[in-house]
Amino acid sequence: MPDMRVQAGEAQEDQVTASIEKYTSQVPSSVYLALAGASILGSVAFKIAKKGEEALFVGQWVAPFLLLGIYNKMVKQHGSDAATRS
């Protein structure tokens, strides 16, 4: 069976992705961690205030903030097209 995986440098991101990464990579990764923590605290505050639906809504923001932080860190370390650069 032939190897169908994408090899380094075989595919490139478009200019929209490159533009977004240029600006978001300037945001410190700790900001995303702080946003996740604030979401947890906000969710707990809503739960204490007996606002269950709001607590769930705000609590669900934690995972996306952490994922954005991971993506941000990866872009800083590797770039989207790091293998294609000289």
PDB file of N, CA and C in Angstrom:
ATOM      1  N   MET A   1       0.845  -1.174   0.000  1.00  0.00           N
ATOM      2  CA  MET A   1       0.000   0.000   0.000  1.00  0.00           C
ATOM      3  C   MET A   1       0.897   1.247   0.000  1.00  0.00           C
ATOM      4  N   PRO A   2       0.651   2.192  -0.890  1.00  0.00           N
ATOM      5  CA  PRO A   2       1.497   3.391  -0.952  1.00  0.00           C
ATOM      6  C   PRO A   2       1.253   4.324   0.235  1.00  0.00           C
ATOM      7  N   ASP A   3       2.276   5.081   0.580  1.00  0.00           N
ATOM      8  CA  ASP A   3       2.195   6.041   1.677  1.00  0.00           C
ATOM      9  C   ASP A   3       1.437   7.275   1.183  1.00  0.00           C
ATOM     10  N   MET A   4       0.261   7.545   1.754  1.00  0.00           N
ATOM     11  CA  MET A   4      -0.603   8.643   1.303  1.00  0.00           C
ATOM     12  C   MET A   4      -0.506   9.880   2.192  1.00  0.00           C
ATOM     13  N   ARG A   5       0.424   9.866   3.162  1.00  0.00           N
ATOM     14  CA  ARG A   5       0.532  11.008   4.068  1.00  0.00           C
ATOM     15  C   ARG A   5       1.096  12.227   3.352  1.00  0.00           C
ATOM     16  N   VAL A   6       0.714  13.400   3.842  1.00  0.00           N
ATOM     17  CA  VAL A   6       1.252  14.650   3.318  1.00  0.00           C
ATOM     18  C   VAL A   6       2.650  14.822   3.875  1.00  0.00           C
ATOM     19  N   GLN A   7       3.600  15.065   3.026  1.00  0.00           N
ATOM     20  CA  GLN A   7       4.994  15.240   3.424  1.00  0.00           C
ATOM     21  C   GLN A   7       5.269  16.715   3.730  1.00  0.00           C
ATOM     22  N   ALA A   8       6.273  16.972   4.525  1.00  0.00           N
ATOM     23  CA  ALA A   8       6.648  18.339   4.881  1.00  0.00           C
ATOM     24  C   ALA A   8       6.957  19.136   3.619  1.00  0.00           C
ATOM     25  N   GLY A   9       6.363  20.309   3.503  1.00  0.00           N
ATOM     26  CA  GLY A   9       6.595  21.174   2.352  1.00  0.00           C
ATOM     27  C   GLY A   9       5.709  20.868   1.159  1.00  0.00           C
ATOM     28  N   GLU A  10       4.884  19.839   1.256  1.00  0.00           N
ATOM     29  CA  GLU A  10       4.045  19.444   0.128  1.00  0.00           C
ATOM     30  C   GLU A  10       2.795  20.327  -0.001  1.00  0.00           C
ATOM     31  N   ALA A  11       2.302  20.838   1.114  1.00  0.00           N
ATOM     32  CA  ALA A  11       1.105  21.674   1.111  1.00  0.00           C
ATOM     33  C   ALA A  11       1.416  22.986   1.821  1.00  0.00           C
ATOM     34  N   GLN A  12       0.768  24.045   1.386  1.00  0.00           N
ATOM     35  CA  GLN A  12       0.978  25.357   1.996  1.00  0.00           C
ATOM     36  C   GLN A  12      -0.355  25.947   2.429  1.00  0.00           C
ATOM     37  N   GLU A  13      -0.303  26.757   3.478  1.00  0.00           N
ATOM     38  CA  GLU A  13      -1.490  27.468   3.929  1.00  0.00           C
ATOM     39  C   GLU A  13      -1.728  28.674   3.025  1.00  0.00           C
ATOM     40  N   ASP A  14      -2.982  29.137   3.003  1.00  0.00           N
ATOM     41  CA  ASP A  14      -3.303  30.298   2.177  1.00  0.00           C
ATOM     42  C   ASP A  14      -2.947  31.593   2.907  1.00  0.00           C
ATOM     43  N   GLN A  15      -3.123  32.714   2.237  1.00  0.00           N
ATOM     44  CA  GLN A  15      -2.750  34.010   2.799  1.00  0.00           C
ATOM     45  C   GLN A  15      -3.649  34.430   3.956  1.00  0.00           C
ATOM     46  N   VAL A  16      -4.901  33.972   3.951  1.00  0.00           N
ATOM     47  CA  VAL A  16      -5.802  34.309   5.056  1.00  0.00           C
ATOM     48  C   VAL A  16      -5.255  33.701   6.349  1.00  0.00           C
ATOM     49  N   THR A  17      -4.881  32.429   6.290  1.00  0.00           N
ATOM     50  CA  THR A  17      -4.324  31.752   7.462  1.00  0.00           C
ATOM     51  C   THR A  17      -3.029  32.423   7.899  1.00  0.00           C
ATOM     52  N   ALA A  18      -2.174  32.736   6.950  1.00  0.00           N
ATOM     53  CA  ALA A  18      -0.901  33.383   7.275  1.00  0.00           C
ATOM     54  C   ALA A  18      -1.130  34.736   7.941  1.00  0.00           C
ATOM     55  N   SER A  19      -2.117  35.483   7.451  1.00  0.00           N
ATOM     56  CA  SER A  19      -2.419  36.790   8.024  1.00  0.00           C
ATOM     57  C   SER A  19      -2.943  36.664   9.450  1.00  0.00           C
ATOM     58  N   ILE A  20      -3.849  35.724   9.677  1.00  0.00           N
ATOM     59  CA  ILE A  20      -4.388  35.504  11.023  1.00  0.00           C
ATOM     60  C   ILE A  20      -3.273  35.101  11.976  1.00  0.00           C
ATOM     61  N   GLU A  21      -2.407  34.182  11.525  1.00  0.00           N
ATOM     62  CA  GLU A  21      -1.321  33.714  12.375  1.00  0.00           C
ATOM     63  C   GLU A  21      -0.330  34.819  12.693  1.00  0.00           C
ATOM     64  N   LYS A  22      -0.130  35.729  11.770  1.00  0.00           N
ATOM     65  CA  LYS A  22       0.816  36.825  12.008  1.00  0.00           C
ATOM     66  C   LYS A  22       0.363  37.674  13.191  1.00  0.00           C
ATOM     67  N   TYR A  23      -0.940  37.946  13.273  1.00  0.00           N
ATOM     68  CA  TYR A  23      -1.445  38.786  14.349  1.00  0.00           C
ATOM     69  C   TYR A  23      -1.660  38.004  15.640  1.00  0.00           C
ATOM     70  N   THR A  24      -2.203  36.802  15.549  1.00  0.00           N
ATOM     71  CA  THR A  24      -2.482  36.053  16.775  1.00  0.00           C
ATOM     72  C   THR A  24      -1.206  35.546  17.441  1.00  0.00           C
ATOM     73  N   SER A  25      -0.140  35.368  16.683  1.00  0.00           N
ATOM     74  CA  SER A  25       1.113  34.908  17.294  1.00  0.00           C
ATOM     75  C   SER A  25       1.736  35.979  18.177  1.00  0.00           C
ATOM     76  N   GLN A  26       1.276  37.210  18.053  1.00  0.00           N
ATOM     77  CA  GLN A  26       1.780  38.287  18.900  1.00  0.00           C
ATOM     78  C   GLN A  26       1.133  38.268  20.285  1.00  0.00           C
ATOM     79  N   VAL A  27       0.046  37.493  20.436  1.00  0.00           N
ATOM     80  CA  VAL A  27      -0.638  37.388  21.720  1.00  0.00           C
ATOM     81  C   VAL A  27       0.113  36.369  22.580  1.00  0.00           C
ATOM     82  N   PRO A  28       0.488  36.734  23.800  1.00  0.00           N
ATOM     83  CA  PRO A  28       1.177  35.772  24.664  1.00  0.00           C
ATOM     84  C   PRO A  28       0.281  34.566  24.969  1.00  0.00           C
ATOM     85  N   SER A  29       0.866  33.405  25.022  1.00  0.00           N
ATOM     86  CA  SER A  29       0.103  32.181  25.300  1.00  0.00           C
ATOM     87  C   SER A  29      -0.570  32.239  26.664  1.00  0.00           C
ATOM     88  N   SER A  30       0.000  32.971  27.588  1.00  0.00           N
ATOM     89  CA  SER A  30      -0.592  33.072  28.924  1.00  0.00           C
ATOM     90  C   SER A  30      -1.955  33.762  28.893  1.00  0.00           C
ATOM     91  N   VAL A  31      -2.221  34.560  27.868  1.00  0.00           N
ATOM     92  CA  VAL A  31      -3.534  35.208  27.746  1.00  0.00           C
ATOM     93  C   VAL A  31      -4.622  34.156  27.584  1.00  0.00           C
ATOM     94  N   TYR A  32      -4.365  33.148  26.749  1.00  0.00           N
ATOM     95  CA  TYR A  32      -5.360  32.097  26.538  1.00  0.00           C
ATOM     96  C   TYR A  32      -5.582  31.291  27.815  1.00  0.00           C
ATOM     97  N   LEU A  33      -4.509  31.049  28.559  1.00  0.00           N
ATOM     98  CA  LEU A  33      -4.628  30.343  29.831  1.00  0.00           C
ATOM     99  C   LEU A  33      -5.430  31.177  30.829  1.00  0.00           C
ATOM    100  N   ALA A  34      -5.194  32.475  30.849  1.00  0.00           N
ATOM    101  CA  ALA A  34      -5.940  33.364  31.741  1.00  0.00           C
ATOM    102  C   ALA A  34      -7.422  33.400  31.360  1.00  0.00           C
ATOM    103  N   LEU A  35      -7.714  33.410  30.069  1.00  0.00           N
ATOM    104  CA  LEU A  35      -9.114  33.398  29.626  1.00  0.00           C
ATOM    105  C   LEU A  35      -9.805  32.102  30.039  1.00  0.00           C
ATOM    106  N   ALA A  36      -9.096  30.986  29.935  1.00  0.00           N
ATOM    107  CA  ALA A  36      -9.660  29.704  30.368  1.00  0.00           C
ATOM    108  C   ALA A  36      -9.934  29.734  31.870  1.00  0.00           C
ATOM    109  N   GLY A  37      -8.986  30.247  32.642  1.00  0.00           N
ATOM    110  CA  GLY A  37      -9.180  30.353  34.089  1.00  0.00           C
ATOM    111  C   GLY A  37     -10.338  31.265  34.444  1.00  0.00           C
ATOM    112  N   ALA A  38     -10.446  32.380  33.728  1.00  0.00           N
ATOM    113  CA  ALA A  38     -11.556  33.309  33.972  1.00  0.00           C
ATOM    114  C   ALA A  38     -12.895  32.650  33.637  1.00  0.00           C
ATOM    115  N   SER A  39     -12.908  31.817  32.619  1.00  0.00           N
ATOM    116  CA  SER A  39     -14.130  31.104  32.265  1.00  0.00           C
ATOM    117  C   SER A  39     -14.541  30.133  33.368  1.00  0.00           C
ATOM    118  N   ILE A  40     -13.552  29.466  33.943  1.00  0.00           N
ATOM    119  CA  ILE A  40     -13.848  28.552  35.054  1.00  0.00           C
ATOM    120  C   ILE A  40     -14.431  29.336  36.229  1.00  0.00           C
ATOM    121  N   LEU A  41     -13.780  30.439  36.574  1.00  0.00           N
ATOM    122  CA  LEU A  41     -14.267  31.252  37.697  1.00  0.00           C
ATOM    123  C   LEU A  41     -15.644  31.835  37.410  1.00  0.00           C
ATOM    124  N   GLY A  42     -15.860  32.270  36.175  1.00  0.00           N
ATOM    125  CA  GLY A  42     -17.173  32.797  35.798  1.00  0.00           C
ATOM    126  C   GLY A  42     -18.251  31.732  35.888  1.00  0.00           C
ATOM    127  N   SER A  43     -17.909  30.534  35.454  1.00  0.00           N
ATOM    128  CA  SER A  43     -18.861  29.431  35.525  1.00  0.00           C
ATOM    129  C   SER A  43     -19.216  29.111  36.980  1.00  0.00           C
ATOM    130  N   VAL A  44     -18.201  29.080  37.836  1.00  0.00           N
ATOM    131  CA  VAL A  44     -18.445  28.818  39.264  1.00  0.00           C
ATOM    132  C   VAL A  44     -19.309  29.921  39.858  1.00  0.00           C
ATOM    133  N   ALA A  45     -19.035  31.163  39.484  1.00  0.00           N
ATOM    134  CA  ALA A  45     -19.819  32.286  40.001  1.00  0.00           C
ATOM    135  C   ALA A  45     -21.287  32.166  39.575  1.00  0.00           C
ATOM    136  N   PHE A  46     -21.520  31.814  38.329  1.00  0.00           N
ATOM    137  CA  PHE A  46     -22.894  31.634  37.870  1.00  0.00           C
ATOM    138  C   PHE A  46     -23.569  30.468  38.598  1.00  0.00           C
ATOM    139  N   LYS A  47     -22.818  29.415  38.835  1.00  0.00           N
ATOM    140  CA  LYS A  47     -23.374  28.250  39.540  1.00  0.00           C
ATOM    141  C   LYS A  47     -23.764  28.628  40.967  1.00  0.00           C
ATOM    142  N   ILE A  48     -22.908  29.401  41.638  1.00  0.00           N
ATOM    143  CA  ILE A  48     -23.211  29.860  42.998  1.00  0.00           C
ATOM    144  C   ILE A  48     -24.447  30.747  43.000  1.00  0.00           C
ATOM    145  N   ALA A  49     -24.600  31.551  41.931  1.00  0.00           N
ATOM    146  CA  ALA A  49     -25.755  32.440  41.809  1.00  0.00           C
ATOM    147  C   ALA A  49     -27.005  31.702  41.335  1.00  0.00           C
ATOM    148  N   LYS A  50     -26.896  30.370  41.240  1.00  0.00           N
ATOM    149  CA  LYS A  50     -28.003  29.516  40.811  1.00  0.00           C
ATOM    150  C   LYS A  50     -28.496  29.847  39.399  1.00  0.00           C
ATOM    151  N   LYS A  51     -27.538  30.170  38.538  1.00  0.00           N
ATOM    152  CA  LYS A  51     -27.840  30.412  37.126  1.00  0.00           C
ATOM    153  C   LYS A  51     -27.169  29.292  36.323  1.00  0.00           C
ATOM    154  N   GLY A  52     -27.816  28.125  36.351  1.00  0.00           N
ATOM    155  CA  GLY A  52     -27.236  26.914  35.793  1.00  0.00           C
ATOM    156  C   GLY A  52     -26.933  26.978  34.307  1.00  0.00           C
ATOM    157  N   GLU A  53     -27.856  27.524  33.509  1.00  0.00           N
ATOM    158  CA  GLU A  53     -27.630  27.583  32.065  1.00  0.00           C
ATOM    159  C   GLU A  53     -26.463  28.498  31.717  1.00  0.00           C
ATOM    160  N   GLU A  54     -26.370  29.617  32.397  1.00  0.00           N
ATOM    161  CA  GLU A  54     -25.253  30.529  32.172  1.00  0.00           C
ATOM    162  C   GLU A  54     -23.931  29.891  32.593  1.00  0.00           C
ATOM    163  N   ALA A  55     -23.958  29.146  33.698  1.00  0.00           N
ATOM    164  CA  ALA A  55     -22.751  28.456  34.179  1.00  0.00           C
ATOM    165  C   ALA A  55     -22.260  27.457  33.143  1.00  0.00           C
ATOM    166  N   LEU A  56     -23.178  26.690  32.553  1.00  0.00           N
ATOM    167  CA  LEU A  56     -22.788  25.735  31.519  1.00  0.00           C
ATOM    168  C   LEU A  56     -22.249  26.442  30.284  1.00  0.00           C
ATOM    169  N   PHE A  57     -22.922  27.522  29.891  1.00  0.00           N
ATOM    170  CA  PHE A  57     -22.504  28.263  28.699  1.00  0.00           C
ATOM    171  C   PHE A  57     -21.079  28.797  28.854  1.00  0.00           C
ATOM    172  N   VAL A  58     -20.810  29.463  29.958  1.00  0.00           N
ATOM    173  CA  VAL A  58     -19.482  30.043  30.189  1.00  0.00           C
ATOM    174  C   VAL A  58     -18.448  28.939  30.442  1.00  0.00           C
ATOM    175  N   GLY A  59     -18.851  27.874  31.109  1.00  0.00           N
ATOM    176  CA  GLY A  59     -17.943  26.769  31.384  1.00  0.00           C
ATOM    177  C   GLY A  59     -17.466  26.064  30.121  1.00  0.00           C
ATOM    178  N   GLN A  60     -18.266  26.112  29.072  1.00  0.00           N
ATOM    179  CA  GLN A  60     -17.889  25.468  27.819  1.00  0.00           C
ATOM    180  C   GLN A  60     -16.857  26.278  27.036  1.00  0.00           C
ATOM    181  N   TRP A  61     -16.531  27.463  27.482  1.00  0.00           N
ATOM    182  CA  TRP A  61     -15.509  28.269  26.807  1.00  0.00           C
ATOM    183  C   TRP A  61     -14.097  27.812  27.155  1.00  0.00           C
ATOM    184  N   VAL A  62     -13.940  27.058  28.233  1.00  0.00           N
ATOM    185  CA  VAL A  62     -12.613  26.677  28.713  1.00  0.00           C
ATOM    186  C   VAL A  62     -11.836  25.914  27.646  1.00  0.00           C
ATOM    187  N   ALA A  63     -12.416  24.856  27.101  1.00  0.00           N
ATOM    188  CA  ALA A  63     -11.717  24.023  26.118  1.00  0.00           C
ATOM    189  C   ALA A  63     -11.309  24.809  24.861  1.00  0.00           C
ATOM    190  N   PRO A  64     -12.200  25.619  24.276  1.00  0.00           N
ATOM    191  CA  PRO A  64     -11.758  26.390  23.096  1.00  0.00           C
ATOM    192  C   PRO A  64     -10.604  27.344  23.396  1.00  0.00           C
ATOM    193  N   PHE A  65     -10.620  27.990  24.564  1.00  0.00           N
ATOM    194  CA  PHE A  65      -9.510  28.885  24.908  1.00  0.00           C
ATOM    195  C   PHE A  65      -8.203  28.109  25.036  1.00  0.00           C
ATOM    196  N   LEU A  66      -8.251  26.931  25.671  1.00  0.00           N
ATOM    197  CA  LEU A  66      -7.042  26.126  25.805  1.00  0.00           C
ATOM    198  C   LEU A  66      -6.554  25.635  24.441  1.00  0.00           C
ATOM    199  N   LEU A  67      -7.477  25.246  23.567  1.00  0.00           N
ATOM    200  CA  LEU A  67      -7.086  24.808  22.225  1.00  0.00           C
ATOM    201  C   LEU A  67      -6.480  25.949  21.416  1.00  0.00           C
ATOM    202  N   LEU A  68      -7.047  27.142  21.542  1.00  0.00           N
ATOM    203  CA  LEU A  68      -6.470  28.297  20.857  1.00  0.00           C
ATOM    204  C   LEU A  68      -5.072  28.587  21.386  1.00  0.00           C
ATOM    205  N   GLY A  69      -4.873  28.409  22.691  1.00  0.00           N
ATOM    206  CA  GLY A  69      -3.551  28.603  23.272  1.00  0.00           C
ATOM    207  C   GLY A  69      -2.540  27.602  22.730  1.00  0.00           C
ATOM    208  N   ILE A  70      -2.965  26.341  22.578  1.00  0.00           N
ATOM    209  CA  ILE A  70      -2.076  25.322  22.015  1.00  0.00           C
ATOM    210  C   ILE A  70      -1.741  25.655  20.570  1.00  0.00           C
ATOM    211  N   TYR A  71      -2.742  26.032  19.791  1.00  0.00           N
ATOM    212  CA  TYR A  71      -2.507  26.396  18.394  1.00  0.00           C
ATOM    213  C   TYR A  71      -1.550  27.583  18.307  1.00  0.00           C
ATOM    214  N   ASN A  72      -1.783  28.578  19.151  1.00  0.00           N
ATOM    215  CA  ASN A  72      -0.933  29.769  19.184  1.00  0.00           C
ATOM    216  C   ASN A  72       0.512  29.385  19.475  1.00  0.00           C
ATOM    217  N   LYS A  73       0.707  28.502  20.439  1.00  0.00           N
ATOM    218  CA  LYS A  73       2.054  28.063  20.805  1.00  0.00           C
ATOM    219  C   LYS A  73       2.715  27.306  19.656  1.00  0.00           C
ATOM    220  N   MET A  74       1.953  26.451  18.991  1.00  0.00           N
ATOM    221  CA  MET A  74       2.502  25.688  17.863  1.00  0.00           C
ATOM    222  C   MET A  74       2.902  26.598  16.713  1.00  0.00           C
ATOM    223  N   VAL A  75       2.098  27.603  16.432  1.00  0.00           N
ATOM    224  CA  VAL A  75       2.432  28.546  15.356  1.00  0.00           C
ATOM    225  C   VAL A  75       3.711  29.295  15.697  1.00  0.00           C
ATOM    226  N   LYS A  76       3.865  29.667  16.964  1.00  0.00           N
ATOM    227  CA  LYS A  76       5.075  30.372  17.372  1.00  0.00           C
ATOM    228  C   LYS A  76       6.306  29.486  17.241  1.00  0.00           C
ATOM    229  N   GLN A  77       6.170  28.221  17.575  1.00  0.00           N
ATOM    230  CA  GLN A  77       7.308  27.321  17.548  1.00  0.00           C
ATOM    231  C   GLN A  77       7.633  26.806  16.144  1.00  0.00           C
ATOM    232  N   HIS A  78       6.606  26.516  15.372  1.00  0.00           N
ATOM    233  CA  HIS A  78       6.821  25.848  14.096  1.00  0.00           C
ATOM    234  C   HIS A  78       6.369  26.656  12.888  1.00  0.00           C
ATOM    235  N   GLY A  79       5.402  27.565  13.053  1.00  0.00           N
ATOM    236  CA  GLY A  79       4.819  28.259  11.915  1.00  0.00           C
ATOM    237  C   GLY A  79       3.969  27.310  11.103  1.00  0.00           C
ATOM    238  N   SER A  80       3.045  27.830  10.338  1.00  0.00           N
ATOM    239  CA  SER A  80       2.161  26.948   9.569  1.00  0.00           C
ATOM    240  C   SER A  80       2.894  26.318   8.399  1.00  0.00           C
ATOM    241  N   ASP A  81       3.877  26.997   7.859  1.00  0.00           N
ATOM    242  CA  ASP A  81       4.619  26.502   6.708  1.00  0.00           C
ATOM    243  C   ASP A  81       6.123  26.442   7.002  1.00  0.00           C
ATOM    244  N   ALA A  82       6.471  26.098   8.210  1.00  0.00           N
ATOM    245  CA  ALA A  82       7.878  26.141   8.630  1.00  0.00           C
ATOM    246  C   ALA A  82       8.767  25.260   7.749  1.00  0.00           C
ATOM    247  N   ALA A  83       8.272  24.135   7.294  1.00  0.00           N
ATOM    248  CA  ALA A  83       9.091  23.211   6.501  1.00  0.00           C
ATOM    249  C   ALA A  83       9.386  23.748   5.104  1.00  0.00           C
ATOM    250  N   THR A  84       8.574  24.723   4.644  1.00  0.00           N
ATOM    251  CA  THR A  84       8.775  25.238   3.292  1.00  0.00           C
ATOM    252  C   THR A  84       9.706  26.432   3.265  1.00  0.00           C
ATOM    253  N   ARG A  85      10.050  26.969   4.438  1.00  0.00           N
ATOM    254  CA  ARG A  85      10.932  28.135   4.496  1.00  0.00           C
ATOM    255  C   ARG A  85      12.396  27.702   4.403  1.00  0.00           C
ATOM    256  N   SER A  86      13.216  28.577   3.905  1.00  0.00           N
ATOM    257  CA  SER A  86      14.656  28.265   3.801  1.00  0.00           C
ATOM    258  C   SER A  86      15.410  28.825   4.978  1.00  0.00           C
TER     259      SER A  86
END
